[in-house]
């Protein structure tokens, strides 16, 4: 099968590195997260914690 293949560990590291870079560039250490109970807010919270960011 010639479908899309993503290595989950590499993708996770890239997303965390992106978040760290963007927050550092803006001088921020916290993210305000509105949790709706949906999968997108849960995933964003997961990546923020993996990137060692504070959530409010």
PDB file of N, CA and C in Angstrom:
ATOM      1  N   UNK A   1       0.850  -1.189   0.000  1.00  0.00           N
ATOM      2  CA  UNK A   1       0.000   0.000   0.000  1.00  0.00           C
ATOM      3  C   UNK A   1       0.885   1.238   0.000  1.00  0.00           C
ATOM      4  N   UNK A   2       0.649   2.122  -0.942  1.00  0.00           N
ATOM      5  CA  UNK A   2       1.446   3.343  -1.081  1.00  0.00           C
ATOM      6  C   UNK A   2       0.714   4.544  -0.506  1.00  0.00           C
ATOM      7  N   UNK A   3       0.329   4.431   0.747  1.00  0.00           N
ATOM      8  CA  UNK A   3      -0.377   5.529   1.396  1.00  0.00           C
ATOM      9  C   UNK A   3       0.578   6.446   2.133  1.00  0.00           C
ATOM     10  N   UNK A   4       0.031   7.407   2.786  1.00  0.00           N
ATOM     11  CA  UNK A   4       0.797   8.351   3.592  1.00  0.00           C
ATOM     12  C   UNK A   4       1.329   7.648   4.831  1.00  0.00           C
ATOM     13  N   UNK A   5       2.611   7.774   5.078  1.00  0.00           N
ATOM     14  CA  UNK A   5       3.217   7.196   6.270  1.00  0.00           C
ATOM     15  C   UNK A   5       3.865   8.305   7.086  1.00  0.00           C
ATOM     16  N   UNK A   6       3.503   8.401   8.351  1.00  0.00           N
ATOM     17  CA  UNK A   6       4.114   9.360   9.262  1.00  0.00           C
ATOM     18  C   UNK A   6       4.716   8.598  10.426  1.00  0.00           C
ATOM     19  N   UNK A   7       5.952   8.897  10.725  1.00  0.00           N
ATOM     20  CA  UNK A   7       6.585   8.323  11.912  1.00  0.00           C
ATOM     21  C   UNK A   7       6.120   9.162  13.105  1.00  0.00           C
ATOM     22  N   UNK A   8       5.344   8.571  13.987  1.00  0.00           N
ATOM     23  CA  UNK A   8       4.745   9.314  15.097  1.00  0.00           C
ATOM     24  C   UNK A   8       5.768   9.991  15.989  1.00  0.00           C
ATOM     25  N   UNK A   9       6.865   9.319  16.295  1.00  0.00           N
ATOM     26  CA  UNK A   9       7.892   9.900  17.175  1.00  0.00           C
ATOM     27  C   UNK A   9       8.558  11.110  16.527  1.00  0.00           C
ATOM     28  N   UNK A  10       8.876  11.011  15.242  1.00  0.00           N
ATOM     29  CA  UNK A  10       9.503  12.128  14.537  1.00  0.00           C
ATOM     30  C   UNK A  10       8.525  13.295  14.432  1.00  0.00           C
ATOM     31  N   UNK A  11       7.279  12.996  14.112  1.00  0.00           N
ATOM     32  CA  UNK A  11       6.258  14.046  14.003  1.00  0.00           C
ATOM     33  C   UNK A  11       6.065  14.752  15.343  1.00  0.00           C
ATOM     34  N   UNK A  12       6.016  13.986  16.422  1.00  0.00           N
ATOM     35  CA  UNK A  12       5.880  14.560  17.762  1.00  0.00           C
ATOM     36  C   UNK A  12       7.049  15.483  18.081  1.00  0.00           C
ATOM     37  N   UNK A  13       8.261  15.061  17.782  1.00  0.00           N
ATOM     38  CA  UNK A  13       9.445  15.890  18.052  1.00  0.00           C
ATOM     39  C   UNK A  13       9.422  17.167  17.228  1.00  0.00           C
ATOM     40  N   UNK A  14       9.003  17.079  15.970  1.00  0.00           N
ATOM     41  CA  UNK A  14       8.951  18.269  15.112  1.00  0.00           C
ATOM     42  C   UNK A  14       7.920  19.274  15.605  1.00  0.00           C
ATOM     43  N   UNK A  15       6.760  18.790  16.026  1.00  0.00           N
ATOM     44  CA  UNK A  15       5.718  19.692  16.531  1.00  0.00           C
ATOM     45  C   UNK A  15       6.180  20.362  17.825  1.00  0.00           C
ATOM     46  N   UNK A  16       6.778  19.598  18.719  1.00  0.00           N
ATOM     47  CA  UNK A  16       7.273  20.168  19.984  1.00  0.00           C
ATOM     48  C   UNK A  16       8.373  21.186  19.726  1.00  0.00           C
ATOM     49  N   UNK A  17       9.281  20.876  18.807  1.00  0.00           N
ATOM     50  CA  UNK A  17      10.360  21.813  18.466  1.00  0.00           C
ATOM     51  C   UNK A  17       9.777  23.089  17.869  1.00  0.00           C
ATOM     52  N   UNK A  18       8.762  22.969  17.028  1.00  0.00           N
ATOM     53  CA  UNK A  18       8.106  24.133  16.438  1.00  0.00           C
ATOM     54  C   UNK A  18       7.479  25.012  17.521  1.00  0.00           C
ATOM     55  N   UNK A  19       6.748  24.394  18.452  1.00  0.00           N
ATOM     56  CA  UNK A  19       6.122  25.162  19.531  1.00  0.00           C
ATOM     57  C   UNK A  19       7.166  25.880  20.373  1.00  0.00           C
ATOM     58  N   UNK A  20       8.233  25.179  20.748  1.00  0.00           N
ATOM     59  CA  UNK A  20       9.301  25.798  21.547  1.00  0.00           C
ATOM     60  C   UNK A  20       9.914  26.983  20.800  1.00  0.00           C
ATOM     61  N   UNK A  21      10.196  26.797  19.509  1.00  0.00           N
ATOM     62  CA  UNK A  21      10.822  27.855  18.709  1.00  0.00           C
ATOM     63  C   UNK A  21       9.915  29.074  18.606  1.00  0.00           C
ATOM     64  N   UNK A  22       8.653  28.858  18.302  1.00  0.00           N
ATOM     65  CA  UNK A  22       7.726  29.969  18.124  1.00  0.00           C
ATOM     66  C   UNK A  22       7.468  30.718  19.434  1.00  0.00           C
ATOM     67  N   UNK A  23       7.335  29.990  20.527  1.00  0.00           N
ATOM     68  CA  UNK A  23       7.111  30.659  21.809  1.00  0.00           C
ATOM     69  C   UNK A  23       8.365  31.415  22.253  1.00  0.00           C
ATOM     70  N   UNK A  24       9.524  30.841  22.024  1.00  0.00           N
ATOM     71  CA  UNK A  24      10.772  31.528  22.379  1.00  0.00           C
ATOM     72  C   UNK A  24      10.943  32.787  21.542  1.00  0.00           C
ATOM     73  N   UNK A  25      10.639  32.692  20.255  1.00  0.00           N
ATOM     74  CA  UNK A  25      10.763  33.838  19.351  1.00  0.00           C
ATOM     75  C   UNK A  25       9.890  34.999  19.812  1.00  0.00           C
ATOM     76  N   UNK A  26       8.763  34.683  20.422  1.00  0.00           N
ATOM     77  CA  UNK A  26       7.828  35.708  20.884  1.00  0.00           C
ATOM     78  C   UNK A  26       8.002  36.056  22.359  1.00  0.00           C
ATOM     79  N   UNK A  27       8.960  35.405  23.017  1.00  0.00           N
ATOM     80  CA  UNK A  27       9.224  35.684  24.421  1.00  0.00           C
ATOM     81  C   UNK A  27       8.134  35.171  25.349  1.00  0.00           C
ATOM     82  N   UNK A  28       7.468  34.103  24.956  1.00  0.00           N
ATOM     83  CA  UNK A  28       6.362  33.554  25.742  1.00  0.00           C
ATOM     84  C   UNK A  28       6.758  32.213  26.346  1.00  0.00           C
ATOM     85  N   UNK A  29       6.175  31.910  27.511  1.00  0.00           N
ATOM     86  CA  UNK A  29       6.422  30.611  28.149  1.00  0.00           C
ATOM     87  C   UNK A  29       5.118  29.889  28.487  1.00  0.00           C
ATOM     88  N   UNK A  30       3.987  30.573  28.284  1.00  0.00           N
ATOM     89  CA  UNK A  30       2.687  30.004  28.636  1.00  0.00           C
ATOM     90  C   UNK A  30       1.749  30.045  27.441  1.00  0.00           C
ATOM     91  N   UNK A  31       0.812  29.118  27.463  1.00  0.00           N
ATOM     92  CA  UNK A  31      -0.249  29.110  26.463  1.00  0.00           C
ATOM     93  C   UNK A  31      -1.586  29.096  27.199  1.00  0.00           C
ATOM     94  N   UNK A  32      -2.538  29.847  26.692  1.00  0.00           N
ATOM     95  CA  UNK A  32      -3.887  29.816  27.228  1.00  0.00           C
ATOM     96  C   UNK A  32      -4.670  28.866  26.335  1.00  0.00           C
ATOM     97  N   UNK A  33      -5.239  27.849  26.954  1.00  0.00           N
ATOM     98  CA  UNK A  33      -5.930  26.815  26.196  1.00  0.00           C
ATOM     99  C   UNK A  33      -7.385  26.753  26.613  1.00  0.00           C
ATOM    100  N   UNK A  34      -8.267  26.928  25.654  1.00  0.00           N
ATOM    101  CA  UNK A  34      -9.693  26.755  25.897  1.00  0.00           C
ATOM    102  C   UNK A  34     -10.050  25.306  25.584  1.00  0.00           C
ATOM    103  N   UNK A  35     -10.369  24.552  26.605  1.00  0.00           N
ATOM    104  CA  UNK A  35     -10.647  23.138  26.417  1.00  0.00           C
ATOM    105  C   UNK A  35     -12.136  22.934  26.134  1.00  0.00           C
ATOM    106  N   UNK A  36     -12.404  22.431  24.956  1.00  0.00           N
ATOM    107  CA  UNK A  36     -13.794  22.193  24.556  1.00  0.00           C
ATOM    108  C   UNK A  36     -14.218  20.753  24.785  1.00  0.00           C
ATOM    109  N   UNK A  37     -13.253  19.921  25.088  1.00  0.00           N
ATOM    110  CA  UNK A  37     -13.551  18.498  25.237  1.00  0.00           C
ATOM    111  C   UNK A  37     -13.338  17.734  23.947  1.00  0.00           C
ATOM    112  N   UNK A  38     -12.948  18.456  22.909  1.00  0.00           N
ATOM    113  CA  UNK A  38     -12.702  17.821  21.615  1.00  0.00           C
ATOM    114  C   UNK A  38     -11.278  17.303  21.502  1.00  0.00           C
ATOM    115  N   UNK A  39     -11.039  16.554  20.463  1.00  0.00           N
ATOM    116  CA  UNK A  39      -9.730  15.938  20.262  1.00  0.00           C
ATOM    117  C   UNK A  39      -8.653  16.980  19.950  1.00  0.00           C
ATOM    118  N   UNK A  40      -9.009  18.060  19.263  1.00  0.00           N
ATOM    119  CA  UNK A  40      -7.997  19.056  18.906  1.00  0.00           C
ATOM    120  C   UNK A  40      -7.436  19.776  20.128  1.00  0.00           C
ATOM    121  N   UNK A  41      -8.281  20.133  21.087  1.00  0.00           N
ATOM    122  CA  UNK A  41      -7.766  20.797  22.285  1.00  0.00           C
ATOM    123  C   UNK A  41      -6.969  19.824  23.150  1.00  0.00           C
ATOM    124  N   UNK A  42      -7.368  18.572  23.164  1.00  0.00           N
ATOM    125  CA  UNK A  42      -6.616  17.560  23.918  1.00  0.00           C
ATOM    126  C   UNK A  42      -5.235  17.343  23.315  1.00  0.00           C
ATOM    127  N   UNK A  43      -5.160  17.305  21.988  1.00  0.00           N
ATOM    128  CA  UNK A  43      -3.874  17.113  21.316  1.00  0.00           C
ATOM    129  C   UNK A  43      -2.972  18.325  21.528  1.00  0.00           C
ATOM    130  N   UNK A  44      -3.545  19.534  21.437  1.00  0.00           N
ATOM    131  CA  UNK A  44      -2.742  20.736  21.664  1.00  0.00           C
ATOM    132  C   UNK A  44      -2.191  20.761  23.087  1.00  0.00           C
ATOM    133  N   UNK A  45      -3.013  20.400  24.061  1.00  0.00           N
ATOM    134  CA  UNK A  45      -2.554  20.348  25.453  1.00  0.00           C
ATOM    135  C   UNK A  45      -1.430  19.330  25.606  1.00  0.00           C
ATOM    136  N   UNK A  46      -1.564  18.184  24.964  1.00  0.00           N
ATOM    137  CA  UNK A  46      -0.522  17.148  25.003  1.00  0.00           C
ATOM    138  C   UNK A  46       0.796  17.690  24.466  1.00  0.00           C
ATOM    139  N   UNK A  47       0.765  18.340  23.304  1.00  0.00           N
ATOM    140  CA  UNK A  47       1.998  18.851  22.708  1.00  0.00           C
ATOM    141  C   UNK A  47       2.603  19.989  23.518  1.00  0.00           C
ATOM    142  N   UNK A  48       1.774  20.830  24.097  1.00  0.00           N
ATOM    143  CA  UNK A  48       2.300  21.907  24.951  1.00  0.00           C
ATOM    144  C   UNK A  48       3.032  21.326  26.157  1.00  0.00           C
ATOM    145  N   UNK A  49       2.463  20.328  26.787  1.00  0.00           N
ATOM    146  CA  UNK A  49       3.122  19.716  27.949  1.00  0.00           C
ATOM    147  C   UNK A  49       4.403  19.002  27.527  1.00  0.00           C
ATOM    148  N   UNK A  50       4.385  18.329  26.384  1.00  0.00           N
ATOM    149  CA  UNK A  50       5.586  17.656  25.886  1.00  0.00           C
ATOM    150  C   UNK A  50       6.684  18.664  25.568  1.00  0.00           C
ATOM    151  N   UNK A  51       6.291  19.864  25.178  1.00  0.00           N
ATOM    152  CA  UNK A  51       7.257  20.925  24.860  1.00  0.00           C
ATOM    153  C   UNK A  51       7.645  21.705  26.110  1.00  0.00           C
ATOM    154  N   UNK A  52       7.217  21.218  27.282  1.00  0.00           N
ATOM    155  CA  UNK A  52       7.529  21.839  28.584  1.00  0.00           C
ATOM    156  C   UNK A  52       7.002  23.259  28.708  1.00  0.00           C
ATOM    157  N   UNK A  53       5.834  23.500  28.155  1.00  0.00           N
ATOM    158  CA  UNK A  53       5.205  24.802  28.255  1.00  0.00           C
ATOM    159  C   UNK A  53       4.175  24.767  29.378  1.00  0.00           C
ATOM    160  N   UNK A  54       3.938  25.936  29.967  1.00  0.00           N
ATOM    161  CA  UNK A  54       2.928  26.052  31.008  1.00  0.00           C
ATOM    162  C   UNK A  54       1.581  26.325  30.339  1.00  0.00           C
ATOM    163  N   UNK A  55       0.541  25.726  30.876  1.00  0.00           N
ATOM    164  CA  UNK A  55      -0.810  25.965  30.374  1.00  0.00           C
ATOM    165  C   UNK A  55      -1.636  26.682  31.413  1.00  0.00           C
ATOM    166  N   UNK A  56      -2.482  27.582  30.945  1.00  0.00           N
ATOM    167  CA  UNK A  56      -3.407  28.294  31.836  1.00  0.00           C
ATOM    168  C   UNK A  56      -4.801  28.113  31.319  1.00  0.00           C
TER     169      UNK A  56
END
